[in-house]
Protein backbone atom coordinates (compact mmCIF):
# COMPACT_ATOMS: atom_id res chain seq x y z
CA MET A 1 10.07 21.66 -1.91
CA PRO A 2 9.65 20.38 1.66
CA GLU A 3 12.71 20.48 3.82
CA GLY A 4 13.18 17.93 6.56
CA LEU A 5 11.02 15.23 8.03
CA ALA A 6 9.12 17.68 10.23
CA ILE A 7 7.29 19.09 7.20
CA GLU A 8 6.55 15.62 5.84
CA TRP A 9 5.18 14.44 9.19
CA ALA A 10 2.95 17.54 9.32
CA LEU A 11 1.02 16.08 6.38
CA VAL A 12 0.21 12.84 8.22
CA PRO A 13 -2.67 14.16 10.42
CA ILE A 14 -3.95 16.14 7.42
CA GLY A 15 -4.06 12.95 5.36
CA PHE A 16 -5.75 11.10 8.22
CA LEU A 17 -8.52 13.71 8.46
CA GLY A 18 -9.05 13.74 4.70
CA ALA A 19 -9.26 9.94 4.55
CA LEU A 20 -11.72 9.90 7.46
CA VAL A 21 -14.04 12.24 5.54
CA TYR A 22 -13.62 10.17 2.39
CA GLY A 23 -14.26 6.88 4.16
CA VAL A 24 -17.59 8.08 5.55
CA THR A 25 -19.04 9.94 2.56
CA GLY A 26 -17.20 8.44 -0.42
CA PHE A 27 -15.62 11.72 -1.58
CA GLY A 28 -14.30 15.06 -0.34
CA SER A 29 -10.79 14.18 0.80
CA ALA A 30 -9.18 16.92 -1.31
CA LEU A 31 -11.45 19.52 0.32
CA VAL A 32 -9.61 18.82 3.58
CA THR A 33 -6.10 17.87 2.51
CA ILE A 34 -5.15 20.35 -0.21
CA PRO A 35 -6.07 23.65 1.53
CA LEU A 36 -4.41 22.53 4.79
CA ALA A 37 -1.34 21.01 3.15
CA THR A 38 -0.56 24.16 1.17
CA HIS A 39 0.22 25.88 4.48
CA PHE A 40 3.26 23.60 4.70
CA VAL A 41 4.22 22.59 1.14
CA PRO A 42 3.84 24.00 -2.38
CA LEU A 43 0.56 23.20 -4.17
CA PRO A 44 2.12 20.91 -6.86
CA PHE A 45 3.79 18.83 -4.13
CA ALA A 46 0.51 18.56 -2.16
CA LEU A 47 -1.41 17.53 -5.27
CA ALA A 48 1.16 14.85 -6.09
CA VAL A 49 1.22 13.34 -2.59
CA PHE A 50 -2.50 13.37 -1.99
CA VAL A 51 -3.49 12.05 -5.40
CA LEU A 52 -1.53 8.93 -4.39
CA GLN A 53 -3.30 8.82 -1.03
CA ASP A 54 -6.71 9.38 -2.64
CA PHE A 55 -6.14 6.61 -5.16
CA SER A 56 -5.10 4.22 -2.37
CA SER A 57 -8.13 5.20 -0.30
CA ALA A 58 -10.50 4.76 -3.25
CA LEU A 59 -9.12 1.28 -3.96
CA ARG A 60 -9.45 0.37 -0.27
CA VAL A 61 -13.09 1.49 -0.01
CA ALA A 62 -14.00 -0.01 -3.40
CA SER A 63 -12.71 -3.41 -2.23
CA GLU A 64 -14.96 -3.47 0.86
CA ASN A 65 -18.30 -4.31 -0.76
CA PRO A 66 -17.96 -4.57 -4.54
CA ARG A 67 -21.32 -6.39 -4.73
CA HIS A 68 -23.05 -3.11 -3.85
CA VAL A 69 -21.70 -1.30 -6.93
CA VAL A 70 -24.38 -0.41 -9.48
CA LYS A 71 -22.29 -1.32 -12.49
CA ALA A 72 -24.73 0.19 -15.00
CA GLU A 73 -24.21 3.63 -13.47
CA VAL A 74 -20.43 3.26 -13.63
CA ALA A 75 -20.63 2.10 -17.24
CA ARG A 76 -22.65 5.18 -18.17
CA MET A 77 -20.39 7.68 -16.39
CA VAL A 78 -16.84 6.46 -17.04
CA PRO A 79 -16.71 6.93 -20.86
CA LEU A 80 -17.92 10.53 -20.53
CA MET A 81 -15.50 10.96 -17.63
CA VAL A 82 -12.64 10.16 -20.03
CA VAL A 83 -13.96 12.73 -22.51
CA GLY A 84 -14.34 15.30 -19.73
CA THR A 85 -10.81 14.67 -18.51
CA ILE A 86 -9.43 15.31 -22.00
CA VAL A 87 -11.55 18.46 -22.38
CA GLY A 88 -10.53 19.64 -18.90
CA THR A 89 -6.86 19.23 -19.81
CA GLY A 90 -7.38 21.48 -22.82
CA LEU A 91 -9.42 24.02 -20.85
CA LEU A 92 -6.55 24.38 -18.37
CA LEU A 93 -4.70 26.24 -21.10
CA ILE A 94 -7.44 28.70 -22.10
CA LEU A 95 -9.94 29.29 -19.29
CA PRO A 96 -9.45 32.00 -16.65
CA ARG A 97 -8.89 29.63 -13.77
CA LYS A 98 -10.12 31.82 -10.90
CA ALA A 99 -13.34 32.85 -12.65
CA SER A 100 -14.11 29.23 -13.51
CA MET A 101 -13.39 28.11 -9.96
CA LEU A 102 -15.63 30.85 -8.57
CA ALA A 103 -18.52 29.86 -10.84
CA LEU A 104 -18.20 26.18 -9.91
CA GLY A 105 -17.89 27.04 -6.22
CA LEU A 106 -21.07 29.12 -6.30
CA PHE A 107 -23.01 26.34 -8.01
CA VAL A 108 -21.85 23.61 -5.61
CA LEU A 109 -22.37 25.83 -2.55
CA LEU A 110 -25.92 26.79 -3.59
CA TYR A 111 -26.77 23.19 -4.40
CA GLY A 112 -25.41 22.03 -1.03
CA ALA A 113 -27.43 24.74 0.76
CA TRP A 114 -30.58 23.76 -1.15
CA SER A 115 -30.05 20.08 -0.28
CA LEU A 116 -29.62 20.89 3.41
CA LEU A 117 -32.95 22.76 3.41
CA GLN A 118 -34.86 19.93 1.75
CA ARG A 119 -37.01 17.53 3.74
CA GLY A 120 -37.63 13.95 2.76
CA ALA A 121 -35.95 11.84 0.10
CA PRO A 122 -34.24 13.63 -2.83
CA ARG A 123 -36.25 13.82 -6.05
CA LEU A 124 -35.28 11.03 -8.42
CA VAL A 125 -33.69 11.82 -11.80
CA THR A 126 -33.38 9.74 -14.95
CA GLN A 127 -30.24 7.80 -15.86
CA ARG A 128 -29.55 10.21 -18.74
CA TRP A 129 -28.08 12.62 -16.18
CA ALA A 130 -25.29 10.08 -15.66
CA TYR A 131 -23.65 11.27 -18.87
CA VAL A 132 -23.75 14.89 -17.66
CA ALA A 133 -22.33 13.86 -14.29
CA GLY A 134 -19.54 11.81 -15.90
CA PHE A 135 -18.48 14.57 -18.28
CA SER A 136 -18.73 17.31 -15.63
CA GLY A 137 -16.76 15.28 -13.10
CA GLY A 138 -14.00 14.65 -15.64
CA VAL A 139 -13.74 18.35 -16.48
CA VAL A 140 -13.76 19.77 -12.94
CA GLY A 141 -11.55 16.95 -11.67
CA MET A 142 -8.81 18.04 -14.06
CA LEU A 143 -9.39 21.76 -13.58
CA PHE A 144 -9.72 21.87 -9.80
CA GLY A 145 -8.94 18.41 -8.42
CA ALA A 146 -12.54 18.16 -7.18
CA GLY A 147 -14.31 15.67 -9.43
CA GLY A 148 -16.48 14.15 -6.69
CA PRO A 149 -19.38 16.66 -6.44
CA PRO A 150 -20.99 15.97 -9.87
CA TYR A 151 -20.97 12.22 -9.22
CA ALA A 152 -22.30 12.65 -5.66
CA ILE A 153 -25.07 15.02 -6.77
CA TYR A 154 -26.26 12.61 -9.47
CA LEU A 155 -26.06 9.41 -7.41
CA SER A 156 -27.83 10.99 -4.42
CA HIS A 157 -30.86 11.40 -6.69
CA ARG A 158 -30.98 7.79 -7.86
CA GLY A 159 -32.78 6.33 -4.85
CA MET A 160 -29.92 4.03 -3.83
CA SER A 161 -29.25 2.50 -0.45
CA LYS A 162 -26.37 4.07 1.43
CA GLU A 163 -24.19 1.04 0.60
CA LYS A 164 -24.88 1.27 -3.13
CA PHE A 165 -24.35 5.05 -3.09
CA ARG A 166 -20.95 4.85 -1.39
CA SER A 167 -19.70 1.85 -3.37
CA THR A 168 -20.80 3.20 -6.75
CA LEU A 169 -19.42 6.67 -6.02
CA THR A 170 -16.13 5.17 -4.88
CA LEU A 171 -15.67 3.02 -7.99
CA ASN A 172 -16.29 6.08 -10.15
CA LEU A 173 -13.60 7.89 -8.20
CA VAL A 174 -11.17 4.98 -8.68
CA PHE A 175 -11.35 5.74 -12.40
CA SER A 176 -11.44 9.53 -11.95
CA ILE A 177 -8.46 9.66 -9.59
CA GLY A 178 -6.65 7.05 -11.66
CA PHE A 179 -6.87 9.34 -14.69
CA ARG A 180 -5.44 12.13 -12.55
CA VAL A 181 -2.55 9.92 -11.40
CA VAL A 182 -1.68 9.33 -15.04
CA ALA A 183 -1.94 13.07 -15.75
CA ARG A 184 0.30 13.97 -12.77
CA ALA A 185 2.82 11.32 -13.82
CA SER A 186 2.80 12.62 -17.40
CA ALA A 187 3.57 16.09 -16.05
CA GLY A 188 6.53 14.67 -14.10
CA LEU A 189 5.05 15.51 -10.68
CA LEU A 190 5.25 11.94 -9.38
CA PHE A 191 8.86 11.23 -10.33
CA ARG A 192 10.35 12.75 -7.19
CA THR A 193 11.81 10.91 -4.23
CA GLU A 194 10.26 13.38 -1.75
CA VAL A 195 6.76 12.69 -3.07
CA TRP A 196 7.04 8.94 -2.56
CA MET A 197 8.75 9.28 0.84
CA THR A 198 5.90 11.47 2.04
CA ALA A 199 3.28 9.16 0.49
CA LEU A 200 4.81 6.26 2.42
CA LEU A 201 4.02 8.23 5.59
CA VAL A 202 0.49 9.41 4.79
CA VAL A 203 -0.96 6.35 3.02
CA PRO A 204 -0.70 3.86 5.95
CA THR A 205 -2.28 6.43 8.27
CA ALA A 206 -5.03 7.00 5.72
CA MET A 207 -5.77 3.25 5.72
CA LEU A 208 -6.32 3.43 9.48
CA ALA A 209 -8.69 6.36 8.95
CA ILE A 210 -10.62 4.37 6.30
CA PHE A 211 -10.96 1.47 8.76
CA LEU A 212 -12.42 3.77 11.43
CA ALA A 213 -14.64 5.58 8.90
CA SER A 214 -16.09 2.28 7.66
CA ARG A 215 -17.18 1.44 11.20
CA LEU A 216 -18.86 4.85 11.48
CA PHE A 217 -20.52 4.36 8.09
CA ARG A 218 -22.15 1.09 9.16
CA ARG A 219 -23.76 2.83 12.14
CA MET A 220 -25.35 5.76 10.28
CA SER A 221 -28.64 5.90 8.42
CA ARG A 222 -29.06 6.67 4.72
CA GLU A 223 -30.70 9.98 5.62
CA LEU A 224 -27.76 11.02 7.79
CA LEU A 225 -25.32 10.06 5.04
CA LEU A 226 -27.17 12.20 2.48
CA ARG A 227 -27.16 15.10 4.96
CA LEU A 228 -23.42 14.73 5.39
CA VAL A 229 -22.99 14.66 1.60
CA ALA A 230 -25.04 17.88 1.30
CA LEU A 231 -22.95 19.51 4.03
CA LEU A 232 -19.74 18.42 2.32
CA LEU A 233 -20.97 19.82 -1.01
CA PHE A 234 -21.69 23.12 0.73
CA ALA A 235 -18.19 23.12 2.25
CA THR A 236 -16.64 22.17 -1.11
CA GLY A 237 -18.35 25.12 -2.78
CA ALA A 238 -17.19 27.48 -0.04
CA SER A 239 -13.63 26.16 -0.32
CA LEU A 240 -13.56 26.70 -4.10
CA ILE A 241 -14.88 30.24 -3.69
CA VAL A 242 -12.20 31.05 -1.10
CA ARG A 243 -9.49 29.63 -3.39
CA ALA A 244 -10.82 31.72 -6.29
CA LEU A 245 -10.84 35.04 -4.42
C-alpha cells in the first residue's frame, strides 16, 4: 500500500505519459504505466488506479469523433470480447501465467517487427477475423491487462482511414476496459480510499495528455500512425517477455 502523498504524486507523470501514448495511437497505455508504476506501488494497486485512468481516457477519446466509428466492426468484436473475458477469467486459475505471457509476448513482438519491415499498405483481411480479434482481446485483456494488440492488429488490416482506425479501436477498448473495471470491482480492488485519491490525481493530468495527443494525431499521416502502432506492438511484446522472465 502506498504511504504518503509523495508516492501518489509519483504516479502522475507516469499516467501522463501513458495517456499521451494512448491518445496518439488508441491503445498501449498499460505498456507504459504498469511497468513504471510497479517501481513505486504494488501491482494490484497500480492495476486498480490505471484501469480507472484508462477507462476515463477511452471515454474521452471515444467522444471526440464518434461519427468515425465503424459500428459494424464493433458489433462483430464486442460479443466475442465478452466470451473471451469470461474464458480469460477461468484461465487465470489454471494456466501457467509466465509461460502464457511469454508466448503472447513473442507473438506480438514478432508481429510488430514484421509490420515495421513491411513497405506499403497492410494486406487487407476479411471481416471474419473480427471474431478472432474480439475473443483474443477479451482473453489476453483479462490475463495480462493488454487487450489492445489483437484489436489493433485486426483493424490495421481493414483499410481504414486513421480517424476510423483510432475511433473504432477506442470504442472497442471502452467496452474491454469497462469489463475489466467490473472485474476489478468484483475482486474488491476498487473499494479503497487510496485508489480513488490517487485516481483523482492521475485522471485530470491524463485528460491534459489526451488533449495534447489529439493535436499531434491530427498532424500525422495514416502511414505514420500505422508505423507507430507497429512500433508499439513490438514494444508491447518486449514488455510482456520481460515480465514473463
